[in-house]
Structures are given as structure tokens and as C-alpha cells.
Amino acid sequence: MVCGVIYHTDKDWFKYLIENNLLNQVNFWTKRSTNLKIDDDSPFFFKTSDQKIVGFADYLGIEHNKTLREAWNQFGPKNGVDSFDKLMEKAKSTLRLENINENTKISYIILDNLVVFRDPIPLEEINHRGMQTYVKIGESEVNKIFQIIGIANQQVDLEPQSVDPKFTKSLVNSRIFQQQLRKKVLEFYSNKCVLCGIDDNDLLVVSHIKPVSKFKEDAGKVKNTLLLCSLHDSMFDKELISINKDGSIMISGRLKKSQSKRLKEEVEFLSNKKLSAADLHQDFSSEFFEWHRHIFLNHK
């Protein structure tokens, strides 16, 4: 099963975007009309002329038969150059086109959340030395790349610190990082809501105890998560419930005052619920739960 792609990348294009912090919704333009046939949100790895993988991004899709003028109007500097004239010049040299004008047709490969690896990976380490334009790869190869750079490992946690610190935010926001974290959290919590036991994957949410929008350093830590159903995730996220040191559920006065029959039933259920730290492999006295209890108790 194809899960990603490694694509030859112009060094100047990549360098311009990175140096100008243009990491989202960028245009990887090409004259090829090939349909990559990979899923949206798959990892798109950048391979440069020195036969190394230097980073990756989330693949958002491909569009064909677009003109250079349309590319500039839609993406501007996110085409990897600072002017339309330079886009024309770059397209002529990179795509090796003799006759080029603003109506020359290209394809867009739209990418998001560009990430730079701290230590580029030689292609020979994943048995793709000598590849030309691009090669599609499977899940095992994707996982091997993330293991080599140190994001994924045999331990419980992911390691966002394995990439250049300037790109930690992009990594944490990337779909592939979130997918890998979700996989670990589902396994850690036996694929069910820790509060009610719902085990339908589409109803389960990876709920962060300390929000990673504020605490990037805790983004890959499984023990900074709970696996909750959609309802209990909303309650926990909005500080309507929390978890006490003994595993009992702390319930806000707002929920207790509700006149809704269904909410009254839920409050009664939660009031009688007590989680086992041993069963969840968690310590309810950890900094994560202490932080959430503090927010809960001061929630207005």
C-alpha cells in the first residue's frame, strides 16, 4: 500500500521557502502531469541532488493544466521565488523549456507544514539510492524514515525535538505526526474511551491534558493525552470535568445545575466513576493532571 512519496526537489526552491518561513500552502510546481495517486495528508519527502532526504511536508493534492501566471496569482512567493519574472526564469531552467511565457502550463503539487530534518537522510539508508524524479513508498518505509531521524521510536512517546527547533511547530501540526501520535494513543488506551468504554474509532478523540498550542514540548508525550469519546473530550477540553488524584471525576457546578435529563444521567454516571491509575498506566498526580485540575478549579 502506497503511503507517501519521495520527490526530487530543487535546492533553491526549498532554501527560499525555509529561509523566508513560508511553510504552509506552498506550490511545488512541475511540468509532469502524472497523478501521484496518494492520499491527501500523506508525507511528501524532499530529496535533493546530493541523494539525501532533507525534510517533508503534508501532501494536500495536485492540480493540472495551470498557467505560470495562475501559479503566481494564487501562491506568490510560496512558489519559491520572490517575483513573477523569477518564476518564469526558474521554470525555464528547472523544467528545461525552450519556449516559455505566462500561459505555459504546469501542474501544482500543494504542500503544507514544511519540516526540515536536523540531519538529512542518505537515500541508501532506505534502499532508494539513485532514484530519479520520484518514488512512491509504503508504510514500512515511511516509518523507517521517521525512526532514522528520531521522531518515531520503540518507546511510547514521539520526539518532536528531533527536527530543527525552528520547525517544531510545523512538525506538531503535520498530519503525519498527528496520525502517528493517534496510533500510539489508541494502543496505549486499548482503543476505548477511558471514561465510558466506547470503542468506535470514529467517535474517539486524542485529548491533550495540557494543550500543545501552548506547550509544544509536550506535544509527543502520550502521558499528556487521554483517549476520550467526542462527548467526554468536549467536557474535558472545556474544563467541565477533570480527574482527581484518586481517579474520581471532578464535575463542574454548571453541569450539576443542568435541568437536562440526559445531562443529569451523565453527571450521575461520572459521579460514580473512578479511574484506576494502574489500568491506565497513568499517574494522576503528574504535572499534566495537576495543570488541568488547576485550570478546572479556576474555570469561570
Protein backbone atom coordinates (compact mmCIF):
# COMPACT_ATOMS: atom_id res chain seq x y z
CA MET A 1 0.00 0.00 0.00
CA VAL A 2 1.36 3.42 -1.03
CA CYS A 3 1.58 5.76 1.98
CA GLY A 4 3.89 8.53 0.79
CA VAL A 5 6.32 9.75 -1.85
CA ILE A 6 9.96 10.86 -2.12
CA TYR A 7 10.29 13.58 -4.77
CA HIS A 8 13.39 15.21 -6.28
CA THR A 9 13.44 18.83 -5.10
CA ASP A 10 15.23 21.93 -6.35
CA LYS A 11 17.56 23.12 -3.58
CA ASP A 12 17.00 26.82 -4.30
CA TRP A 13 13.19 26.41 -4.15
CA PHE A 14 13.47 24.63 -0.82
CA LYS A 15 16.03 27.07 0.59
CA TYR A 16 13.95 30.13 -0.35
CA LEU A 17 10.81 28.83 1.38
CA ILE A 18 12.68 27.77 4.51
CA GLU A 19 14.69 30.98 4.86
CA ASN A 20 11.54 33.08 4.44
CA ASN A 21 9.48 30.94 6.81
CA LEU A 22 6.96 30.10 4.06
CA LEU A 23 5.87 26.71 5.36
CA ASN A 24 2.16 26.47 4.64
CA GLN A 25 0.09 26.05 1.48
CA VAL A 26 3.10 26.19 -0.86
CA ASN A 27 3.32 25.28 -4.54
CA PHE A 28 5.70 22.50 -5.59
CA TRP A 29 5.30 23.13 -9.30
CA THR A 30 6.26 20.66 -12.01
CA LYS A 31 5.71 20.03 -15.72
CA ARG A 32 4.75 16.43 -15.03
CA SER A 33 1.06 15.62 -15.37
CA THR A 34 1.37 12.31 -13.53
CA ASN A 35 -1.33 11.63 -10.96
CA LEU A 36 0.57 10.67 -7.82
CA LYS A 37 -2.39 8.63 -6.54
CA ILE A 38 -1.51 9.02 -2.90
CA ASP A 39 -3.90 10.03 -0.15
CA ASP A 40 -4.22 13.62 0.98
CA ASP A 41 -2.19 14.22 4.16
CA SER A 42 0.40 11.64 3.11
CA PRO A 43 4.05 12.57 3.75
CA PHE A 44 5.83 14.18 0.81
CA PHE A 45 9.59 13.82 1.36
CA PHE A 46 12.08 16.19 -0.27
CA LYS A 47 15.10 14.57 -1.92
CA THR A 48 17.86 16.87 -3.22
CA SER A 49 20.61 16.35 -5.81
CA ASP A 50 23.07 15.08 -3.20
CA GLN A 51 20.86 12.00 -2.74
CA LYS A 52 19.58 12.94 0.70
CA ILE A 53 16.11 13.43 2.17
CA VAL A 54 16.17 16.89 3.75
CA GLY A 55 12.62 17.18 5.10
CA PHE A 56 8.96 16.56 4.40
CA ALA A 57 5.53 18.18 4.15
CA ASP A 58 1.87 17.15 4.13
CA TYR A 59 0.61 16.40 0.62
CA LEU A 60 -2.67 18.25 0.03
CA GLY A 61 -3.30 17.34 -3.61
CA ILE A 62 -2.35 18.02 -7.22
CA GLU A 63 -3.89 20.26 -9.90
CA HIS A 64 -3.08 20.07 -13.62
CA ASN A 65 -3.11 22.42 -16.61
CA LYS A 66 -2.43 25.60 -14.68
CA THR A 67 -0.51 28.52 -16.16
CA LEU A 68 2.53 30.17 -14.65
CA ARG A 69 0.52 33.37 -14.26
CA GLU A 70 -2.16 31.46 -12.32
CA ALA A 71 0.57 29.96 -10.15
CA TRP A 72 1.91 33.39 -9.25
CA ASN A 73 -1.55 34.87 -8.66
CA GLN A 74 -2.51 32.04 -6.32
CA PHE A 75 0.74 31.38 -4.44
CA GLY A 76 3.01 34.41 -4.95
CA PRO A 77 6.35 33.88 -3.11
CA LYS A 78 5.09 30.47 -1.99
CA ASN A 79 6.20 29.34 -5.45
CA GLY A 80 9.73 29.52 -4.04
CA VAL A 81 10.77 32.83 -5.68
CA ASP A 82 10.18 36.50 -4.89
CA SER A 83 8.79 37.73 -8.24
CA PHE A 84 6.88 36.56 -11.30
CA ASP A 85 9.89 37.26 -13.51
CA LYS A 86 12.00 34.95 -11.35
CA LEU A 87 9.27 32.30 -11.52
CA MET A 88 9.44 32.48 -15.32
CA GLU A 89 13.24 32.29 -15.23
CA LYS A 90 13.24 29.43 -12.74
CA ALA A 91 10.60 27.49 -14.66
CA LYS A 92 12.61 27.82 -17.86
CA SER A 93 15.80 26.44 -16.32
CA THR A 94 14.28 23.86 -13.97
CA LEU A 95 11.69 22.46 -16.37
CA ARG A 96 14.06 22.80 -19.36
CA LEU A 97 11.52 24.52 -21.57
CA GLU A 98 12.78 26.49 -24.57
CA ASN A 99 9.63 28.49 -25.27
CA ILE A 100 8.03 29.82 -22.13
CA ASN A 101 5.52 32.55 -21.37
CA GLU A 102 2.96 33.39 -18.71
CA ASN A 103 0.49 30.92 -20.23
CA THR A 104 2.88 27.96 -20.12
CA LYS A 105 1.06 25.06 -18.46
CA ILE A 106 2.35 23.38 -15.31
CA SER A 107 0.99 21.21 -12.50
CA TYR A 108 0.64 22.25 -8.87
CA ILE A 109 1.53 19.92 -6.04
CA ILE A 110 0.15 21.71 -2.98
CA LEU A 111 2.03 21.10 0.27
CA ASP A 112 1.55 22.15 3.88
CA ASN A 113 3.59 22.22 7.10
CA LEU A 114 7.13 22.07 5.67
CA VAL A 115 9.60 20.48 8.09
CA VAL A 116 13.41 20.42 7.87
CA PHE A 117 15.34 17.45 9.25
CA ARG A 118 18.21 18.29 11.55
CA ASP A 119 20.29 15.54 9.91
CA PRO A 120 19.41 14.73 6.27
CA ILE A 121 18.96 11.03 5.48
CA PRO A 122 21.05 9.39 2.72
CA LEU A 123 18.76 7.57 0.28
CA GLU A 124 20.87 4.44 0.60
CA GLU A 125 19.63 4.07 4.19
CA ILE A 126 16.15 3.30 2.86
CA ASN A 127 17.34 1.43 -0.24
CA HIS A 128 16.40 4.06 -2.81
CA ARG A 129 19.82 5.27 -3.90
CA GLY A 130 19.83 6.53 -7.48
CA MET A 131 16.11 7.31 -7.73
CA GLN A 132 15.25 9.93 -10.34
CA THR A 133 12.14 12.14 -10.22
CA TYR A 134 10.06 10.41 -7.57
CA VAL A 135 9.31 7.09 -5.93
CA LYS A 136 6.21 6.01 -4.03
CA ILE A 137 6.81 4.34 -0.68
CA GLY A 138 4.86 2.19 1.75
CA GLU A 139 4.12 2.42 5.45
CA SER A 140 7.23 0.50 6.49
CA GLU A 141 9.48 2.91 4.57
CA VAL A 142 7.66 5.96 5.98
CA ASN A 143 8.10 4.57 9.49
CA LYS A 144 11.78 3.82 8.83
CA ILE A 145 12.42 7.44 7.80
CA PHE A 146 10.79 8.72 11.00
CA GLN A 147 12.73 6.21 13.07
CA ILE A 148 16.04 7.25 11.49
CA ILE A 149 15.51 10.93 12.25
CA GLY A 150 14.27 10.07 15.74
CA ILE A 151 10.64 11.25 15.65
CA ALA A 152 9.25 7.75 15.98
CA ASN A 153 10.94 5.12 18.11
CA GLN A 154 10.24 1.95 20.02
CA GLN A 155 9.21 3.90 23.11
CA VAL A 156 5.77 5.25 23.94
CA ASP A 157 6.43 8.89 23.10
CA LEU A 158 7.16 10.70 19.84
CA GLU A 159 10.06 13.16 19.77
CA PRO A 160 9.29 16.49 18.05
CA GLN A 161 12.69 17.74 19.27
CA SER A 162 14.32 15.53 16.63
CA VAL A 163 13.88 18.20 13.97
CA ASP A 164 15.36 21.67 13.75
CA PRO A 165 13.72 23.64 16.62
CA LYS A 166 12.53 26.32 14.17
CA PHE A 167 10.25 23.72 12.60
CA THR A 168 8.83 22.04 15.69
CA LYS A 169 5.52 23.86 15.24
CA SER A 170 5.18 22.64 11.65
CA LEU A 171 6.00 19.09 12.76
CA VAL A 172 3.47 19.13 15.59
CA ASN A 173 0.82 20.49 13.21
CA SER A 174 1.63 17.98 10.48
CA ARG A 175 -0.94 15.34 9.68
CA ILE A 176 1.59 12.52 9.73
CA PHE A 177 2.76 13.45 13.25
CA GLN A 178 -0.84 13.55 14.47
CA GLN A 179 -1.56 10.22 12.77
CA GLN A 180 1.46 8.60 14.43
CA LEU A 181 0.51 10.05 17.81
CA ARG A 182 -3.09 8.84 17.44
CA LYS A 183 -1.86 5.33 16.64
CA LYS A 184 0.25 5.26 19.82
CA VAL A 185 -2.55 6.71 21.98
CA LEU A 186 -5.12 4.19 20.67
CA GLU A 187 -2.76 1.36 21.58
CA PHE A 188 -1.88 2.88 24.97
CA TYR A 189 -5.55 3.14 25.99
CA SER A 190 -6.69 -0.15 24.40
CA ASN A 191 -8.80 1.59 21.74
CA LYS A 192 -11.58 2.79 24.03
CA CYS A 193 -12.74 5.91 25.86
CA VAL A 194 -11.21 5.84 29.34
CA LEU A 195 -14.44 7.16 30.86
CA CYS A 196 -17.27 5.29 29.16
CA GLY A 197 -15.58 2.50 27.19
CA ILE A 198 -16.87 3.48 23.73
CA ASP A 199 -14.63 1.71 21.21
CA ASP A 200 -15.79 3.07 17.84
CA ASN A 201 -12.70 4.60 16.24
CA ASP A 202 -14.71 7.38 14.57
CA LEU A 203 -16.03 8.53 17.97
CA LEU A 204 -12.66 8.56 19.75
CA VAL A 205 -10.56 11.70 20.19
CA VAL A 206 -6.95 12.13 21.32
CA SER A 207 -7.47 14.70 24.07
CA HIS A 208 -4.40 16.60 25.30
CA ILE A 209 -4.31 17.30 29.02
CA LYS A 210 -2.01 20.32 28.60
CA PRO A 211 -2.79 21.99 25.24
CA VAL A 212 0.05 21.61 22.76
CA SER A 213 -0.78 25.01 21.29
CA LYS A 214 0.74 26.43 24.49
CA PHE A 215 3.11 23.61 25.43
CA LYS A 216 4.86 22.40 22.25
CA GLU A 217 7.42 20.49 24.31
CA ASP A 218 4.65 18.13 25.49
CA ALA A 219 3.22 17.50 22.02
CA GLY A 220 4.51 13.95 21.55
CA LYS A 221 4.06 12.71 25.10
CA VAL A 222 1.41 10.02 25.27
CA LYS A 223 1.00 10.60 29.02
CA ASN A 224 -0.13 14.11 28.17
CA THR A 225 -3.16 12.54 26.50
CA LEU A 226 -6.40 10.81 27.28
CA LEU A 227 -8.43 8.79 24.79
CA LEU A 228 -11.99 10.06 25.08
CA CYS A 229 -15.23 9.85 23.15
CA SER A 230 -16.41 13.06 21.49
CA LEU A 231 -18.72 13.99 24.38
CA HIS A 232 -16.18 13.46 27.14
CA ASP A 233 -13.45 15.13 25.09
CA SER A 234 -15.61 18.26 24.85
CA MET A 235 -16.29 18.21 28.58
CA PHE A 236 -12.61 17.75 29.42
CA ASP A 237 -11.41 20.32 26.90
CA LYS A 238 -13.83 22.96 28.21
CA GLU A 239 -12.84 22.25 31.86
CA LEU A 240 -16.32 20.97 32.72
CA ILE A 241 -14.73 17.85 34.17
CA SER A 242 -11.28 16.92 35.44
CA ILE A 243 -9.65 13.97 37.21
CA ASN A 244 -8.72 13.97 40.89
CA LYS A 245 -5.59 12.44 42.35
CA ASP A 246 -7.57 9.37 43.43
CA GLY A 247 -9.06 8.88 39.94
CA SER A 248 -12.51 10.22 40.79
CA ILE A 249 -14.13 12.61 38.33
CA MET A 250 -14.39 16.27 39.26
CA ILE A 251 -17.59 17.76 37.86
CA SER A 252 -18.30 21.46 37.37
CA GLY A 253 -21.20 23.18 39.11
CA ARG A 254 -22.52 24.15 35.70
CA LEU A 255 -23.09 20.51 34.75
CA LYS A 256 -24.56 19.70 38.14
CA LYS A 257 -27.10 22.51 37.79
CA SER A 258 -28.33 21.39 34.38
CA GLN A 259 -32.03 20.60 34.07
CA SER A 260 -31.44 18.31 31.10
CA LYS A 261 -32.50 14.76 31.90
CA ARG A 262 -29.69 13.37 29.74
CA LEU A 263 -27.07 15.57 31.41
CA LYS A 264 -28.36 14.61 34.85
CA GLU A 265 -27.86 10.97 33.89
CA GLU A 266 -24.35 11.77 32.68
CA VAL A 267 -23.49 13.63 35.90
CA GLU A 268 -24.70 10.65 37.91
CA PHE A 269 -22.61 8.30 35.77
CA LEU A 270 -19.48 10.42 36.15
CA SER A 271 -20.06 10.91 39.89
CA ASN A 272 -19.91 7.14 40.33
CA LYS A 273 -16.90 6.70 38.06
CA LYS A 274 -13.40 6.15 39.44
CA LEU A 275 -10.44 5.56 37.16
CA SER A 276 -7.59 3.23 38.02
CA ALA A 277 -4.15 4.75 37.58
CA ALA A 278 -2.71 1.25 37.22
CA ASP A 279 -5.18 0.25 34.49
CA LEU A 280 -4.50 3.44 32.54
CA HIS A 281 -0.71 3.32 33.13
CA GLN A 282 -1.04 6.89 34.37
CA ASP A 283 -0.14 8.87 37.48
CA PHE A 284 -2.97 11.23 38.38
CA SER A 285 -0.51 13.28 40.43
CA SER A 286 1.57 14.06 37.34
CA GLU A 287 2.26 17.64 36.21
CA PHE A 288 -0.24 17.18 33.39
CA PHE A 289 -3.21 16.37 35.63
CA GLU A 290 -2.09 18.92 38.23
CA TRP A 291 -2.16 21.58 35.49
CA HIS A 292 -5.63 20.55 34.33
CA ARG A 293 -7.05 20.46 37.88
CA HIS A 294 -5.71 23.97 38.49
CA ILE A 295 -7.42 25.24 35.34
CA PHE A 296 -10.61 23.37 36.23
CA LEU A 297 -10.78 24.83 39.73
CA ASN A 298 -10.24 28.35 38.41
CA HIS A 299 -12.58 28.00 35.45
CA LYS A 300 -15.35 30.59 35.39
